[in-house]
Amino acid sequence: MEWSEEVQDGAIIAVPAGKVDESTAALFGAQLEQAVERCAGSSARLVLDCHGIDYMSSRGLRALTLAKRKADGAGVRILLARPNEIVREILAISRYDKLFGVTDTVEAALTA
């Protein structure tokens, strides 16, 4: 799994790529929580650009849950942008699309 970040319009845009499964979920979660920490001091918005995520297991969903708890406590909003069809279906089945704002573009997440 790869991870990159940029700042756009005062928000952190995190771009993970690859599979988020049993072997990569811990790294994904750690990167996500660190991004939340960086947002807490300067930005109230973290956009997770999901276009590069090929698959997400229940471990990845757990990492999202833990990051959301941390974000809620820090006043940070996490939005999920550009999930592919597989990830969008996983989010829908798990009802995570109700917990997180999910947008079709990064730009829509920045204005949500």
PDB file of N, CA and C in Angstrom:
ATOM      1  N   MET A   1       0.829  -1.178   0.000  1.00  0.00           N
ATOM      2  CA  MET A   1       0.000   0.000   0.000  1.00  0.00           C
ATOM      3  C   MET A   1       0.871   1.238   0.000  1.00  0.00           C
ATOM      4  N   GLU A   2       0.504   2.195  -0.806  1.00  0.00           N
ATOM      5  CA  GLU A   2       1.213   3.468  -0.875  1.00  0.00           C
ATOM      6  C   GLU A   2       0.328   4.562  -0.288  1.00  0.00           C
ATOM      7  N   TRP A   3       0.951   5.663   0.107  1.00  0.00           N
ATOM      8  CA  TRP A   3       0.221   6.779   0.720  1.00  0.00           C
ATOM      9  C   TRP A   3       0.909   8.075   0.324  1.00  0.00           C
ATOM     10  N   SER A   4       0.133   9.037  -0.136  1.00  0.00           N
ATOM     11  CA  SER A   4       0.672  10.373  -0.380  1.00  0.00           C
ATOM     12  C   SER A   4      -0.353  11.388   0.106  1.00  0.00           C
ATOM     13  N   GLU A   5       0.107  12.601   0.320  1.00  0.00           N
ATOM     14  CA  GLU A   5      -0.769  13.669   0.812  1.00  0.00           C
ATOM     15  C   GLU A   5      -0.420  14.984   0.150  1.00  0.00           C
ATOM     16  N   GLU A   6      -1.409  15.843   0.073  1.00  0.00           N
ATOM     17  CA  GLU A   6      -1.210  17.219  -0.351  1.00  0.00           C
ATOM     18  C   GLU A   6      -2.222  18.080   0.383  1.00  0.00           C
ATOM     19  N   VAL A   7      -1.971  19.369   0.417  1.00  0.00           N
ATOM     20  CA  VAL A   7      -2.912  20.314   1.021  1.00  0.00           C
ATOM     21  C   VAL A   7      -3.554  21.093  -0.114  1.00  0.00           C
ATOM     22  N   GLN A   8      -4.878  21.162  -0.084  1.00  0.00           N
ATOM     23  CA  GLN A   8      -5.620  21.894  -1.110  1.00  0.00           C
ATOM     24  C   GLN A   8      -6.791  22.598  -0.433  1.00  0.00           C
ATOM     25  N   ASP A   9      -6.923  23.877  -0.675  1.00  0.00           N
ATOM     26  CA  ASP A   9      -8.006  24.675  -0.093  1.00  0.00           C
ATOM     27  C   ASP A   9      -8.096  24.495   1.422  1.00  0.00           C
ATOM     28  N   GLY A  10      -6.954  24.386   2.079  1.00  0.00           N
ATOM     29  CA  GLY A  10      -6.911  24.259   3.525  1.00  0.00           C
ATOM     30  C   GLY A  10      -7.214  22.882   4.061  1.00  0.00           C
ATOM     31  N   ALA A  11      -7.479  21.920   3.190  1.00  0.00           N
ATOM     32  CA  ALA A  11      -7.777  20.550   3.626  1.00  0.00           C
ATOM     33  C   ALA A  11      -6.613  19.641   3.245  1.00  0.00           C
ATOM     34  N   ILE A  12      -6.442  18.590   4.017  1.00  0.00           N
ATOM     35  CA  ILE A  12      -5.462  17.575   3.652  1.00  0.00           C
ATOM     36  C   ILE A  12      -6.157  16.572   2.745  1.00  0.00           C
ATOM     37  N   ILE A  13      -5.549  16.318   1.594  1.00  0.00           N
ATOM     38  CA  ILE A  13      -6.026  15.305   0.668  1.00  0.00           C
ATOM     39  C   ILE A  13      -5.069  14.129   0.797  1.00  0.00           C
ATOM     40  N   ALA A  14      -5.553  13.013   1.329  1.00  0.00           N
ATOM     41  CA  ALA A  14      -4.746  11.804   1.479  1.00  0.00           C
ATOM     42  C   ALA A  14      -5.099  10.857   0.342  1.00  0.00           C
ATOM     43  N   VAL A  15      -4.071  10.277  -0.274  1.00  0.00           N
ATOM     44  CA  VAL A  15      -4.277   9.420  -1.438  1.00  0.00           C
ATOM     45  C   VAL A  15      -3.602   8.068  -1.196  1.00  0.00           C
ATOM     46  N   PRO A  16      -4.338   7.122  -0.613  1.00  0.00           N
ATOM     47  CA  PRO A  16      -3.797   5.770  -0.481  1.00  0.00           C
ATOM     48  C   PRO A  16      -3.972   5.019  -1.798  1.00  0.00           C
ATOM     49  N   ALA A  17      -3.117   4.035  -2.029  1.00  0.00           N
ATOM     50  CA  ALA A  17      -3.231   3.231  -3.251  1.00  0.00           C
ATOM     51  C   ALA A  17      -2.875   1.788  -2.935  1.00  0.00           C
ATOM     52  N   GLY A  18      -3.614   0.878  -3.541  1.00  0.00           N
ATOM     53  CA  GLY A  18      -3.386  -0.551  -3.346  1.00  0.00           C
ATOM     54  C   GLY A  18      -4.535  -1.181  -2.588  1.00  0.00           C
ATOM     55  N   LYS A  19      -4.285  -2.372  -2.076  1.00  0.00           N
ATOM     56  CA  LYS A  19      -5.293  -3.086  -1.300  1.00  0.00           C
ATOM     57  C   LYS A  19      -5.142  -2.755   0.175  1.00  0.00           C
ATOM     58  N   VAL A  20      -6.274  -2.568   0.837  1.00  0.00           N
ATOM     59  CA  VAL A  20      -6.276  -2.398   2.289  1.00  0.00           C
ATOM     60  C   VAL A  20      -6.856  -3.696   2.839  1.00  0.00           C
ATOM     61  N   ASP A  21      -5.953  -4.569   3.249  1.00  0.00           N
ATOM     62  CA  ASP A  21      -6.362  -5.893   3.724  1.00  0.00           C
ATOM     63  C   ASP A  21      -5.600  -6.230   4.993  1.00  0.00           C
ATOM     64  N   GLU A  22      -5.584  -7.498   5.347  1.00  0.00           N
ATOM     65  CA  GLU A  22      -4.956  -7.932   6.603  1.00  0.00           C
ATOM     66  C   GLU A  22      -3.489  -7.495   6.700  1.00  0.00           C
ATOM     67  N   SER A  23      -2.781  -7.496   5.579  1.00  0.00           N
ATOM     68  CA  SER A  23      -1.354  -7.183   5.624  1.00  0.00           C
ATOM     69  C   SER A  23      -1.052  -5.686   5.581  1.00  0.00           C
ATOM     70  N   THR A  24      -2.008  -4.872   5.179  1.00  0.00           N
ATOM     71  CA  THR A  24      -1.745  -3.436   5.038  1.00  0.00           C
ATOM     72  C   THR A  24      -2.624  -2.550   5.921  1.00  0.00           C
ATOM     73  N   ALA A  25      -3.605  -3.119   6.585  1.00  0.00           N
ATOM     74  CA  ALA A  25      -4.569  -2.319   7.349  1.00  0.00           C
ATOM     75  C   ALA A  25      -3.907  -1.540   8.488  1.00  0.00           C
ATOM     76  N   ALA A  26      -2.921  -2.121   9.140  1.00  0.00           N
ATOM     77  CA  ALA A  26      -2.265  -1.414  10.245  1.00  0.00           C
ATOM     78  C   ALA A  26      -1.554  -0.163   9.734  1.00  0.00           C
ATOM     79  N   LEU A  27      -0.871  -0.283   8.625  1.00  0.00           N
ATOM     80  CA  LEU A  27      -0.191   0.873   8.032  1.00  0.00           C
ATOM     81  C   LEU A  27      -1.220   1.905   7.570  1.00  0.00           C
ATOM     82  N   PHE A  28      -2.285   1.457   6.921  1.00  0.00           N
ATOM     83  CA  PHE A  28      -3.360   2.344   6.482  1.00  0.00           C
ATOM     84  C   PHE A  28      -3.933   3.105   7.676  1.00  0.00           C
ATOM     85  N   GLY A  29      -4.235   2.396   8.755  1.00  0.00           N
ATOM     86  CA  GLY A  29      -4.795   3.028   9.949  1.00  0.00           C
ATOM     87  C   GLY A  29      -3.848   4.029  10.576  1.00  0.00           C
ATOM     88  N   ALA A  30      -2.570   3.666  10.648  1.00  0.00           N
ATOM     89  CA  ALA A  30      -1.582   4.575  11.232  1.00  0.00           C
ATOM     90  C   ALA A  30      -1.451   5.846  10.399  1.00  0.00           C
ATOM     91  N   GLN A  31      -1.393   5.699   9.081  1.00  0.00           N
ATOM     92  CA  GLN A  31      -1.290   6.866   8.206  1.00  0.00           C
ATOM     93  C   GLN A  31      -2.534   7.746   8.336  1.00  0.00           C
ATOM     94  N   LEU A  32      -3.683   7.111   8.398  1.00  0.00           N
ATOM     95  CA  LEU A  32      -4.945   7.838   8.513  1.00  0.00           C
ATOM     96  C   LEU A  32      -5.021   8.613   9.825  1.00  0.00           C
ATOM     97  N   GLU A  33      -4.649   7.965  10.916  1.00  0.00           N
ATOM     98  CA  GLU A  33      -4.683   8.652  12.213  1.00  0.00           C
ATOM     99  C   GLU A  33      -3.667   9.787  12.280  1.00  0.00           C
ATOM    100  N   GLN A  34      -2.503   9.609  11.661  1.00  0.00           N
ATOM    101  CA  GLN A  34      -1.523  10.700  11.628  1.00  0.00           C
ATOM    102  C   GLN A  34      -2.057  11.882  10.821  1.00  0.00           C
ATOM    103  N   ALA A  35      -2.761  11.596   9.730  1.00  0.00           N
ATOM    104  CA  ALA A  35      -3.353  12.670   8.934  1.00  0.00           C
ATOM    105  C   ALA A  35      -4.412  13.418   9.743  1.00  0.00           C
ATOM    106  N   VAL A  36      -5.197  12.686  10.521  1.00  0.00           N
ATOM    107  CA  VAL A  36      -6.194  13.324  11.392  1.00  0.00           C
ATOM    108  C   VAL A  36      -5.492  14.248  12.381  1.00  0.00           C
ATOM    109  N   GLU A  37      -4.391  13.795  12.961  1.00  0.00           N
ATOM    110  CA  GLU A  37      -3.641  14.626  13.908  1.00  0.00           C
ATOM    111  C   GLU A  37      -3.142  15.901  13.246  1.00  0.00           C
ATOM    112  N   ARG A  38      -2.659  15.790  12.005  1.00  0.00           N
ATOM    113  CA  ARG A  38      -2.180  16.985  11.298  1.00  0.00           C
ATOM    114  C   ARG A  38      -3.324  17.945  10.985  1.00  0.00           C
ATOM    115  N   CYS A  39      -4.505  17.417  10.742  1.00  0.00           N
ATOM    116  CA  CYS A  39      -5.674  18.265  10.463  1.00  0.00           C
ATOM    117  C   CYS A  39      -6.143  19.002  11.706  1.00  0.00           C
ATOM    118  N   ALA A  40      -6.007  18.387  12.845  1.00  0.00           N
ATOM    119  CA  ALA A  40      -6.568  18.925  14.085  1.00  0.00           C
ATOM    120  C   ALA A  40      -6.039  20.318  14.389  1.00  0.00           C
ATOM    121  N   GLY A  41      -4.801  20.604  14.069  1.00  0.00           N
ATOM    122  CA  GLY A  41      -4.241  21.899  14.384  1.00  0.00           C
ATOM    123  C   GLY A  41      -4.511  22.976  13.355  1.00  0.00           C
ATOM    124  N   SER A  42      -4.754  22.574  12.107  1.00  0.00           N
ATOM    125  CA  SER A  42      -4.840  23.591  11.066  1.00  0.00           C
ATOM    126  C   SER A  42      -6.092  23.497  10.202  1.00  0.00           C
ATOM    127  N   SER A  43      -6.561  22.315   9.959  1.00  0.00           N
ATOM    128  CA  SER A  43      -7.697  22.136   9.061  1.00  0.00           C
ATOM    129  C   SER A  43      -8.732  21.273   9.758  1.00  0.00           C
ATOM    130  N   ALA A  44      -9.956  21.481   9.438  1.00  0.00           N
ATOM    131  CA  ALA A  44     -10.996  20.659  10.040  1.00  0.00           C
ATOM    132  C   ALA A  44     -11.494  19.620   9.052  1.00  0.00           C
ATOM    133  N   ARG A  45     -10.749  19.417   7.962  1.00  0.00           N
ATOM    134  CA  ARG A  45     -11.229  18.529   6.908  1.00  0.00           C
ATOM    135  C   ARG A  45     -10.098  17.645   6.385  1.00  0.00           C
ATOM    136  N   LEU A  46     -10.393  16.352   6.317  1.00  0.00           N
ATOM    137  CA  LEU A  46      -9.485  15.377   5.725  1.00  0.00           C
ATOM    138  C   LEU A  46     -10.254  14.658   4.630  1.00  0.00           C
ATOM    139  N   VAL A  47      -9.764  14.775   3.404  1.00  0.00           N
ATOM    140  CA  VAL A  47     -10.387  14.098   2.274  1.00  0.00           C
ATOM    141  C   VAL A  47      -9.535  12.887   1.935  1.00  0.00           C
ATOM    142  N   LEU A  48     -10.153  11.717   1.989  1.00  0.00           N
ATOM    143  CA  LEU A  48      -9.480  10.482   1.626  1.00  0.00           C
ATOM    144  C   LEU A  48      -9.860  10.180   0.178  1.00  0.00           C
ATOM    145  N   ASP A  49      -8.922  10.413  -0.735  1.00  0.00           N
ATOM    146  CA  ASP A  49      -9.155  10.173  -2.159  1.00  0.00           C
ATOM    147  C   ASP A  49      -8.985   8.672  -2.393  1.00  0.00           C
ATOM    148  N   CYS A  50     -10.096   7.984  -2.536  1.00  0.00           N
ATOM    149  CA  CYS A  50     -10.111   6.520  -2.559  1.00  0.00           C
ATOM    150  C   CYS A  50      -9.919   5.914  -3.944  1.00  0.00           C
ATOM    151  N   HIS A  51      -9.656   6.725  -4.958  1.00  0.00           N
ATOM    152  CA  HIS A  51      -9.607   6.180  -6.319  1.00  0.00           C
ATOM    153  C   HIS A  51      -8.533   5.111  -6.498  1.00  0.00           C
ATOM    154  N   GLY A  52      -7.491   5.146  -5.694  1.00  0.00           N
ATOM    155  CA  GLY A  52      -6.410   4.171  -5.828  1.00  0.00           C
ATOM    156  C   GLY A  52      -6.559   2.940  -4.959  1.00  0.00           C
ATOM    157  N   ILE A  53      -7.617   2.879  -4.152  1.00  0.00           N
ATOM    158  CA  ILE A  53      -7.832   1.706  -3.302  1.00  0.00           C
ATOM    159  C   ILE A  53      -8.541   0.638  -4.135  1.00  0.00           C
ATOM    160  N   ASP A  54      -7.872  -0.484  -4.325  1.00  0.00           N
ATOM    161  CA  ASP A  54      -8.423  -1.575  -5.130  1.00  0.00           C
ATOM    162  C   ASP A  54      -9.447  -2.399  -4.365  1.00  0.00           C
ATOM    163  N   TYR A  55      -9.230  -2.522  -3.069  1.00  0.00           N
ATOM    164  CA  TYR A  55     -10.072  -3.390  -2.239  1.00  0.00           C
ATOM    165  C   TYR A  55      -9.889  -2.965  -0.797  1.00  0.00           C
ATOM    166  N   MET A  56     -10.944  -3.111   0.016  1.00  0.00           N
ATOM    167  CA  MET A  56     -10.843  -2.823   1.441  1.00  0.00           C
ATOM    168  C   MET A  56     -11.536  -3.931   2.218  1.00  0.00           C
ATOM    169  N   SER A  57     -10.783  -4.576   3.095  1.00  0.00           N
ATOM    170  CA  SER A  57     -11.335  -5.638   3.939  1.00  0.00           C
ATOM    171  C   SER A  57     -11.955  -5.043   5.195  1.00  0.00           C
ATOM    172  N   SER A  58     -12.479  -5.907   6.031  1.00  0.00           N
ATOM    173  CA  SER A  58     -13.054  -5.451   7.305  1.00  0.00           C
ATOM    174  C   SER A  58     -12.000  -4.787   8.180  1.00  0.00           C
ATOM    175  N   ARG A  59     -10.759  -5.182   8.027  1.00  0.00           N
ATOM    176  CA  ARG A  59      -9.681  -4.526   8.784  1.00  0.00           C
ATOM    177  C   ARG A  59      -9.522  -3.065   8.360  1.00  0.00           C
ATOM    178  N   GLY A  60      -9.676  -2.811   7.076  1.00  0.00           N
ATOM    179  CA  GLY A  60      -9.624  -1.435   6.587  1.00  0.00           C
ATOM    180  C   GLY A  60     -10.789  -0.617   7.105  1.00  0.00           C
ATOM    181  N   LEU A  61     -11.964  -1.235   7.151  1.00  0.00           N
ATOM    182  CA  LEU A  61     -13.140  -0.553   7.707  1.00  0.00           C
ATOM    183  C   LEU A  61     -12.928  -0.236   9.181  1.00  0.00           C
ATOM    184  N   ARG A  62     -12.303  -1.159   9.898  1.00  0.00           N
ATOM    185  CA  ARG A  62     -11.995  -0.908  11.313  1.00  0.00           C
ATOM    186  C   ARG A  62     -11.050   0.285  11.448  1.00  0.00           C
ATOM    187  N   ALA A  63     -10.066   0.366  10.575  1.00  0.00           N
ATOM    188  CA  ALA A  63      -9.136   1.503  10.610  1.00  0.00           C
ATOM    189  C   ALA A  63      -9.890   2.811  10.361  1.00  0.00           C
ATOM    190  N   LEU A  64     -10.856   2.784   9.454  1.00  0.00           N
ATOM    191  CA  LEU A  64     -11.687   3.972   9.220  1.00  0.00           C
ATOM    192  C   LEU A  64     -12.481   4.338  10.470  1.00  0.00           C
ATOM    193  N   THR A  65     -13.028   3.330  11.142  1.00  0.00           N
ATOM    194  CA  THR A  65     -13.799   3.569  12.362  1.00  0.00           C
ATOM    195  C   THR A  65     -12.939   4.225  13.436  1.00  0.00           C
ATOM    196  N   LEU A  66     -11.750   3.688  13.646  1.00  0.00           N
ATOM    197  CA  LEU A  66     -10.861   4.248  14.669  1.00  0.00           C
ATOM    198  C   LEU A  66     -10.439   5.668  14.312  1.00  0.00           C
ATOM    199  N   ALA A  67     -10.167   5.911  13.041  1.00  0.00           N
ATOM    200  CA  ALA A  67      -9.784   7.253  12.613  1.00  0.00           C
ATOM    201  C   ALA A  67     -10.952   8.225  12.792  1.00  0.00           C
ATOM    202  N   LYS A  68     -12.163   7.767  12.516  1.00  0.00           N
ATOM    203  CA  LYS A  68     -13.348   8.629  12.684  1.00  0.00           C
ATOM    204  C   LYS A  68     -13.534   9.006  14.142  1.00  0.00           C
ATOM    205  N   ARG A  69     -13.351   8.049  15.033  1.00  0.00           N
ATOM    206  CA  ARG A  69     -13.463   8.364  16.469  1.00  0.00           C
ATOM    207  C   ARG A  69     -12.466   9.445  16.856  1.00  0.00           C
ATOM    208  N   LYS A  70     -11.236   9.268  16.390  1.00  0.00           N
ATOM    209  CA  LYS A  70     -10.199  10.254  16.692  1.00  0.00           C
ATOM    210  C   LYS A  70     -10.547  11.604  16.062  1.00  0.00           C
ATOM    211  N   ALA A  71     -11.018  11.574  14.830  1.00  0.00           N
ATOM    212  CA  ALA A  71     -11.374  12.803  14.121  1.00  0.00           C
ATOM    213  C   ALA A  71     -12.523  13.519  14.810  1.00  0.00           C
ATOM    214  N   ASP A  72     -13.544  12.777  15.215  1.00  0.00           N
ATOM    215  CA  ASP A  72     -14.685  13.381  15.905  1.00  0.00           C
ATOM    216  C   ASP A  72     -14.234  14.083  17.173  1.00  0.00           C
ATOM    217  N   GLY A  73     -13.325  13.467  17.896  1.00  0.00           N
ATOM    218  CA  GLY A  73     -12.809  14.069  19.124  1.00  0.00           C
ATOM    219  C   GLY A  73     -11.966  15.304  18.881  1.00  0.00           C
ATOM    220  N   ALA A  74     -11.376  15.389  17.692  1.00  0.00           N
ATOM    221  CA  ALA A  74     -10.504  16.524  17.365  1.00  0.00           C
ATOM    222  C   ALA A  74     -11.213  17.580  16.527  1.00  0.00           C
ATOM    223  N   GLY A  75     -12.497  17.355  16.219  1.00  0.00           N
ATOM    224  CA  GLY A  75     -13.232  18.317  15.409  1.00  0.00           C
ATOM    225  C   GLY A  75     -12.869  18.278  13.936  1.00  0.00           C
ATOM    226  N   VAL A  76     -12.411  17.126  13.469  1.00  0.00           N
ATOM    227  CA  VAL A  76     -12.010  16.961  12.078  1.00  0.00           C
ATOM    228  C   VAL A  76     -13.070  16.146  11.353  1.00  0.00           C
ATOM    229  N   ARG A  77     -13.416  16.576  10.149  1.00  0.00           N
ATOM    230  CA  ARG A  77     -14.384  15.838   9.334  1.00  0.00           C
ATOM    231  C   ARG A  77     -13.626  15.044   8.270  1.00  0.00           C
ATOM    232  N   ILE A  78     -13.891  13.730   8.188  1.00  0.00           N
ATOM    233  CA  ILE A  78     -13.296  12.876   7.163  1.00  0.00           C
ATOM    234  C   ILE A  78     -14.327  12.658   6.065  1.00  0.00           C
ATOM    235  N   LEU A  79     -13.915  12.908   4.835  1.00  0.00           N
ATOM    236  CA  LEU A  79     -14.766  12.658   3.679  1.00  0.00           C
ATOM    237  C   LEU A  79     -14.061  11.666   2.754  1.00  0.00           C
ATOM    238  N   LEU A  80     -14.822  10.798   2.134  1.00  0.00           N
ATOM    239  CA  LEU A  80     -14.282   9.805   1.216  1.00  0.00           C
ATOM    240  C   LEU A  80     -14.647  10.215  -0.200  1.00  0.00           C
ATOM    241  N   ALA A  81     -13.639  10.387  -1.048  1.00  0.00           N
ATOM    242  CA  ALA A  81     -13.875  10.851  -2.419  1.00  0.00           C
ATOM    243  C   ALA A  81     -13.442   9.796  -3.428  1.00  0.00           C
ATOM    244  N   ARG A  82     -14.152   9.730  -4.532  1.00  0.00           N
ATOM    245  CA  ARG A  82     -13.833   8.927  -5.710  1.00  0.00           C
ATOM    246  C   ARG A  82     -13.634   7.429  -5.460  1.00  0.00           C
ATOM    247  N   PRO A  83     -14.457   6.797  -4.633  1.00  0.00           N
ATOM    248  CA  PRO A  83     -14.268   5.348  -4.487  1.00  0.00           C
ATOM    249  C   PRO A  83     -14.656   4.639  -5.786  1.00  0.00           C
ATOM    250  N   ASN A  84     -13.910   3.582  -6.130  1.00  0.00           N
ATOM    251  CA  ASN A  84     -14.287   2.812  -7.310  1.00  0.00           C
ATOM    252  C   ASN A  84     -15.525   1.975  -6.987  1.00  0.00           C
ATOM    253  N   GLU A  85     -16.037   1.252  -7.954  1.00  0.00           N
ATOM    254  CA  GLU A  85     -17.283   0.494  -7.759  1.00  0.00           C
ATOM    255  C   GLU A  85     -17.166  -0.537  -6.643  1.00  0.00           C
ATOM    256  N   ILE A  86     -16.021  -1.205  -6.555  1.00  0.00           N
ATOM    257  CA  ILE A  86     -15.833  -2.235  -5.524  1.00  0.00           C
ATOM    258  C   ILE A  86     -15.856  -1.602  -4.144  1.00  0.00           C
ATOM    259  N   VAL A  87     -15.084  -0.537  -3.951  1.00  0.00           N
ATOM    260  CA  VAL A  87     -15.017   0.120  -2.644  1.00  0.00           C
ATOM    261  C   VAL A  87     -16.359   0.774  -2.323  1.00  0.00           C
ATOM    262  N   ARG A  88     -17.007   1.360  -3.315  1.00  0.00           N
ATOM    263  CA  ARG A  88     -18.327   1.966  -3.082  1.00  0.00           C
ATOM    264  C   ARG A  88     -19.321   0.904  -2.589  1.00  0.00           C
ATOM    265  N   GLU A  89     -19.274  -0.290  -3.177  1.00  0.00           N
ATOM    266  CA  GLU A  89     -20.165  -1.368  -2.751  1.00  0.00           C
ATOM    267  C   GLU A  89     -19.841  -1.816  -1.328  1.00  0.00           C
ATOM    268  N   ILE A  90     -18.562  -1.907  -1.004  1.00  0.00           N
ATOM    269  CA  ILE A  90     -18.154  -2.282   0.356  1.00  0.00           C
ATOM    270  C   ILE A  90     -18.651  -1.242   1.354  1.00  0.00           C
ATOM    271  N   LEU A  91     -18.531   0.033   1.005  1.00  0.00           N
ATOM    272  CA  LEU A  91     -19.018   1.099   1.882  1.00  0.00           C
ATOM    273  C   LEU A  91     -20.529   1.028   2.051  1.00  0.00           C
ATOM    274  N   ALA A  92     -21.235   0.707   0.986  1.00  0.00           N
ATOM    275  CA  ALA A  92     -22.698   0.625   1.053  1.00  0.00           C
ATOM    276  C   ALA A  92     -23.148  -0.576   1.880  1.00  0.00           C
ATOM    277  N   ILE A  93     -22.548  -1.733   1.644  1.00  0.00           N
ATOM    278  CA  ILE A  93     -22.928  -2.945   2.377  1.00  0.00           C
ATOM    279  C   ILE A  93     -22.675  -2.776   3.871  1.00  0.00           C
ATOM    280  N   SER A  94     -21.564  -2.156   4.211  1.00  0.00           N
ATOM    281  CA  SER A  94     -21.206  -1.962   5.619  1.00  0.00           C
ATOM    282  C   SER A  94     -21.879  -0.735   6.229  1.00  0.00           C
ATOM    283  N   ARG A  95     -22.590   0.030   5.396  1.00  0.00           N
ATOM    284  CA  ARG A  95     -23.277   1.264   5.777  1.00  0.00           C
ATOM    285  C   ARG A  95     -22.312   2.381   6.173  1.00  0.00           C
ATOM    286  N   TYR A  96     -21.061   2.252   5.792  1.00  0.00           N
ATOM    287  CA  TYR A  96     -20.099   3.316   6.044  1.00  0.00           C
ATOM    288  C   TYR A  96     -20.394   4.541   5.195  1.00  0.00           C
ATOM    289  N   ASP A  97     -21.159   4.364   4.116  1.00  0.00           N
ATOM    290  CA  ASP A  97     -21.549   5.517   3.327  1.00  0.00           C
ATOM    291  C   ASP A  97     -22.528   6.405   4.088  1.00  0.00           C
ATOM    292  N   LYS A  98     -23.052   5.899   5.202  1.00  0.00           N
ATOM    293  CA  LYS A  98     -23.921   6.702   6.079  1.00  0.00           C
ATOM    294  C   LYS A  98     -23.102   7.398   7.168  1.00  0.00           C
ATOM    295  N   LEU A  99     -21.936   6.842   7.511  1.00  0.00           N
ATOM    296  CA  LEU A  99     -21.074   7.424   8.544  1.00  0.00           C
ATOM    297  C   LEU A  99     -20.172   8.528   8.009  1.00  0.00           C
ATOM    298  N   PHE A 100     -19.755   8.369   6.754  1.00  0.00           N
ATOM    299  CA  PHE A 100     -18.832   9.309   6.129  1.00  0.00           C
ATOM    300  C   PHE A 100     -19.516   9.980   4.953  1.00  0.00           C
ATOM    301  N   GLY A 101     -19.151  11.204   4.691  1.00  0.00           N
ATOM    302  CA  GLY A 101     -19.574  11.820   3.443  1.00  0.00           C
ATOM    303  C   GLY A 101     -18.810  11.157   2.315  1.00  0.00           C
ATOM    304  N   VAL A 102     -19.514  10.698   1.288  1.00  0.00           N
ATOM    305  CA  VAL A 102     -18.887  10.057   0.137  1.00  0.00           C
ATOM    306  C   VAL A 102     -19.229  10.887  -1.093  1.00  0.00           C
ATOM    307  N   THR A 103     -18.195  11.305  -1.833  1.00  0.00           N
ATOM    308  CA  THR A 103     -18.406  12.143  -3.011  1.00  0.00           C
ATOM    309  C   THR A 103     -17.766  11.508  -4.237  1.00  0.00           C
ATOM    310  N   ASP A 104     -18.232  11.946  -5.397  1.00  0.00           N
ATOM    311  CA  ASP A 104     -17.698  11.424  -6.653  1.00  0.00           C
ATOM    312  C   ASP A 104     -16.376  12.084  -7.053  1.00  0.00           C
ATOM    313  N   THR A 105     -16.095  13.267  -6.508  1.00  0.00           N
ATOM    314  CA  THR A 105     -14.861  13.977  -6.834  1.00  0.00           C
ATOM    315  C   THR A 105     -14.237  14.566  -5.576  1.00  0.00           C
ATOM    316  N   VAL A 106     -12.956  14.846  -5.667  1.00  0.00           N
ATOM    317  CA  VAL A 106     -12.256  15.525  -4.574  1.00  0.00           C
ATOM    318  C   VAL A 106     -12.806  16.937  -4.420  1.00  0.00           C
ATOM    319  N   GLU A 107     -13.085  17.587  -5.536  1.00  0.00           N
ATOM    320  CA  GLU A 107     -13.604  18.951  -5.498  1.00  0.00           C
ATOM    321  C   GLU A 107     -14.936  19.015  -4.737  1.00  0.00           C
ATOM    322  N   ALA A 108     -15.797  18.027  -4.963  1.00  0.00           N
ATOM    323  CA  ALA A 108     -17.079  17.978  -4.237  1.00  0.00           C
ATOM    324  C   ALA A 108     -16.848  17.789  -2.741  1.00  0.00           C
ATOM    325  N   ALA A 109     -15.839  17.001  -2.378  1.00  0.00           N
ATOM    326  CA  ALA A 109     -15.525  16.802  -0.956  1.00  0.00           C
ATOM    327  C   ALA A 109     -15.020  18.095  -0.332  1.00  0.00           C
ATOM    328  N   LEU A 110     -14.275  18.854  -1.091  1.00  0.00           N
ATOM    329  CA  LEU A 110     -13.737  20.119  -0.568  1.00  0.00           C
ATOM    330  C   LEU A 110     -14.815  21.157  -0.311  1.00  0.00           C
ATOM    331  N   THR A 111     -15.935  21.053  -1.002  1.00  0.00           N
ATOM    332  CA  THR A 111     -17.016  22.015  -0.824  1.00  0.00           C
ATOM    333  C   THR A 111     -18.179  21.467  -0.018  1.00  0.00           C
ATOM    334  N   ALA A 112     -18.099  20.201   0.380  1.00  0.00           N
ATOM    335  CA  ALA A 112     -19.195  19.574   1.134  1.00  0.00           C
ATOM    336  C   ALA A 112     -19.246  20.096   2.558  1.00  0.00           C
TER     337      ALA A 112
END
